[in-house]
Protein backbone atom coordinates (compact mmCIF):
# COMPACT_ATOMS: atom_id res chain seq x y z
CA MET A 1 210.39 54.55 18.95
CA LYS A 2 206.60 54.84 19.15
CA LYS A 3 205.30 58.31 18.29
CA PRO A 4 203.16 60.00 20.95
CA LEU A 5 199.43 60.08 20.35
CA LEU A 6 197.76 63.39 19.52
CA PHE A 7 196.17 65.36 22.34
CA ASP A 8 194.84 68.92 21.98
CA PHE A 9 192.80 70.83 24.55
CA VAL A 10 191.86 74.19 23.07
CA PRO A 11 189.61 76.66 24.90
CA ASP A 12 188.06 79.36 22.68
CA LYS A 13 186.86 82.11 24.99
CA THR A 14 185.38 84.10 22.11
CA ASN A 15 182.96 81.29 21.19
CA ASN A 16 182.65 79.65 24.65
CA THR A 17 183.94 76.32 23.35
CA LEU A 18 186.46 73.64 24.14
CA THR A 19 187.91 71.52 21.37
CA ILE A 20 189.47 68.30 22.57
CA ARG A 21 191.26 66.12 20.00
CA ARG A 22 192.66 62.76 21.05
CA GLU A 23 194.21 59.96 19.04
CA PHE A 24 193.78 56.34 20.12
CA ALA A 25 195.76 53.28 19.03
CA ALA A 26 192.67 51.33 17.96
CA GLY A 27 190.19 51.12 15.11
CA ARG A 28 187.21 53.43 14.90
CA GLN A 29 184.56 50.76 15.64
CA LEU A 30 186.26 49.73 18.88
CA VAL A 31 186.74 53.34 20.01
CA TRP A 32 183.09 54.07 19.13
CA ASP A 33 181.98 51.07 21.19
CA CYS A 34 184.00 52.30 24.18
CA TYR A 35 182.21 55.67 24.00
CA THR A 36 178.72 54.26 23.51
CA LYS A 37 178.34 51.01 25.47
CA ALA A 38 177.73 50.95 29.22
CA GLU A 39 180.00 47.98 29.86
CA TYR A 40 182.95 49.92 28.43
CA LEU A 41 182.06 53.42 29.66
CA SER A 42 181.97 52.15 33.23
CA MET A 43 185.55 50.93 32.83
CA TRP A 44 187.13 54.25 31.82
CA PHE A 45 184.92 57.35 32.01
CA ALA A 46 186.38 59.05 35.11
CA PRO A 47 189.76 60.52 35.97
CA ALA A 48 191.94 58.40 38.27
CA PRO A 49 191.51 57.59 41.10
CA LEU A 50 187.73 57.91 40.55
CA THR A 51 185.71 55.10 39.01
CA SER A 52 182.57 55.30 36.92
CA LYS A 53 179.23 53.56 37.13
CA THR A 54 176.26 53.66 34.81
CA LYS A 55 172.77 53.80 36.30
CA SER A 56 171.08 53.78 32.89
CA LEU A 57 172.11 54.09 29.25
CA ASP A 58 169.81 54.28 26.25
CA PHE A 59 172.11 55.14 23.36
CA ARG A 60 169.74 56.33 20.64
CA ASN A 61 168.41 59.62 19.30
CA GLY A 62 166.42 61.01 22.23
CA GLY A 63 168.02 58.59 24.69
CA HIS A 64 170.19 59.34 27.71
CA TRP A 65 173.09 58.23 29.88
CA HIS A 66 172.85 58.61 33.68
CA TYR A 67 176.15 57.92 35.40
CA ALA A 68 178.30 58.71 38.39
CA MET A 69 181.99 59.31 38.92
CA VAL A 70 182.81 57.75 42.28
CA GLU A 71 185.62 58.83 44.59
CA PRO A 72 187.59 56.13 46.48
CA ASN A 73 185.69 57.12 49.67
CA GLY A 74 182.36 56.42 47.92
CA THR A 75 181.30 60.02 47.21
CA GLU A 76 179.34 60.10 43.95
CA HIS A 77 179.33 62.90 41.37
CA TRP A 78 176.36 62.36 39.03
CA GLY A 79 175.99 63.36 35.41
CA TRP A 80 173.21 63.26 32.83
CA THR A 81 173.66 63.16 29.07
CA ASP A 82 170.81 63.53 26.57
CA TYR A 83 171.65 62.07 23.16
CA ILE A 84 170.37 64.33 20.39
CA LYS A 85 171.66 62.93 17.10
CA ILE A 86 173.64 59.76 16.43
CA GLN A 87 175.39 58.90 13.16
CA PRO A 88 176.92 55.49 14.01
CA ILE A 89 180.66 55.36 14.14
CA ASP A 90 180.95 58.89 12.67
CA TYR A 91 179.62 61.19 15.42
CA TYR A 92 176.99 61.92 18.01
CA THR A 93 175.69 65.11 19.57
CA SER A 94 174.48 65.43 23.12
CA LYS A 95 173.61 67.77 25.94
CA ASP A 96 175.64 67.16 29.09
CA ALA A 97 174.80 68.29 32.63
CA PHE A 98 175.62 67.66 36.25
CA SER A 99 172.76 65.92 38.04
CA ASP A 100 171.79 64.10 41.20
CA ALA A 101 171.36 60.36 41.71
CA ASN A 102 167.75 60.61 40.49
CA GLY A 103 168.72 62.37 37.25
CA LYS A 104 167.56 65.85 38.26
CA VAL A 105 169.84 68.34 36.49
CA ASN A 106 171.79 70.71 38.75
CA SER A 107 170.98 74.14 37.29
CA ASP A 108 173.69 75.78 39.43
CA LEU A 109 176.42 74.12 37.34
CA PRO A 110 177.15 74.53 33.62
CA THR A 111 175.46 72.47 30.92
CA ALA A 112 177.05 71.99 27.53
CA HIS A 113 176.36 70.73 24.03
CA TRP A 114 178.84 68.15 22.78
CA LYS A 115 179.66 66.95 19.28
CA VAL A 116 181.89 63.90 19.42
CA SER A 117 183.36 62.87 16.03
CA PHE A 118 185.35 59.72 15.19
CA THR A 119 187.83 59.72 12.28
CA ASP A 120 190.15 57.04 10.93
CA LEU A 121 193.86 57.87 11.04
CA GLY A 122 195.49 54.81 9.53
CA GLU A 123 195.20 52.06 12.15
CA ASN A 124 194.36 54.67 14.79
CA THR A 125 191.28 56.77 15.50
CA VAL A 126 191.02 60.47 16.27
CA VAL A 127 188.15 61.58 18.47
CA GLU A 128 187.33 65.28 18.27
CA THR A 129 185.00 66.64 20.91
CA LEU A 130 183.59 70.13 20.48
CA VAL A 131 182.00 71.30 23.73
CA THR A 132 179.89 74.47 23.58
CA TYR A 133 178.86 76.38 26.70
CA LYS A 134 176.16 79.06 27.09
CA SER A 135 178.60 81.65 28.41
CA LEU A 136 182.24 82.46 29.01
CA ALA A 137 181.55 82.13 32.75
CA ASP A 138 180.38 78.52 32.23
CA LEU A 139 183.47 77.71 30.15
CA GLU A 140 185.76 79.23 32.79
CA THR A 141 183.92 77.33 35.54
CA VAL A 142 184.69 73.93 33.99
CA ILE A 143 188.26 74.91 33.19
CA ASN A 144 188.74 75.97 36.82
CA MET A 145 187.15 72.70 37.97
CA GLY A 146 190.08 70.89 36.30
CA MET A 147 188.50 69.80 33.01
CA GLU A 148 191.84 69.59 31.16
CA GLN A 149 193.59 67.46 33.79
CA GLY A 150 190.44 65.36 34.19
CA MET A 151 190.23 64.70 30.45
CA ILE A 152 193.92 63.79 30.24
CA SER A 153 193.53 61.23 33.04
CA THR A 154 190.21 59.90 31.73
CA LEU A 155 191.47 59.44 28.17
CA GLU A 156 194.62 57.71 29.44
CA ARG A 157 192.29 55.20 31.10
CA LEU A 158 190.66 54.64 27.71
CA ASP A 159 194.14 53.99 26.25
CA ASP A 160 194.64 51.28 28.88
CA LEU A 161 191.22 49.75 28.22
CA LEU A 162 191.78 49.68 24.44
CA LEU A 163 195.13 47.95 24.96
CA GLU A 164 193.48 45.40 27.26
CA ILE A 165 190.61 44.71 24.83
CA LYS A 166 192.95 44.37 21.83
CA ASN A 167 195.21 41.83 23.60
């Protein structure tokens, strides 16, 4: 029997952080590529039944990713990520925000700093994402928006994509 893959979603209301740990049945380079290349991100980075599309991606220190999560009816929910520091296949840090289709950040919704780390676990890879918010209110806002359920669904889509790529 195949053992279940690791998934932790741990809010820390004292430090205004979320720690998300997820194991994937693929090597670190492939998982890294799925997190950092537009052609892969657009195939998995949205909870079902939404899809994702990339308007622009410049994955480098000082670069950005401008993307939308698209509902089946066509409604778009835009996001903007600024890449701060990249250490290839080990980790990257970024600032993440809600935006509009032109990339203007929505200051009424929370922004967050992310550190996304990639670690070998035998033939698998563990991705640990530490998300830091400015305030407890911001953390609670994203939790109440369904962040945990959204991440579960989104990361399951990455499982499916990794399986497809490997076969």
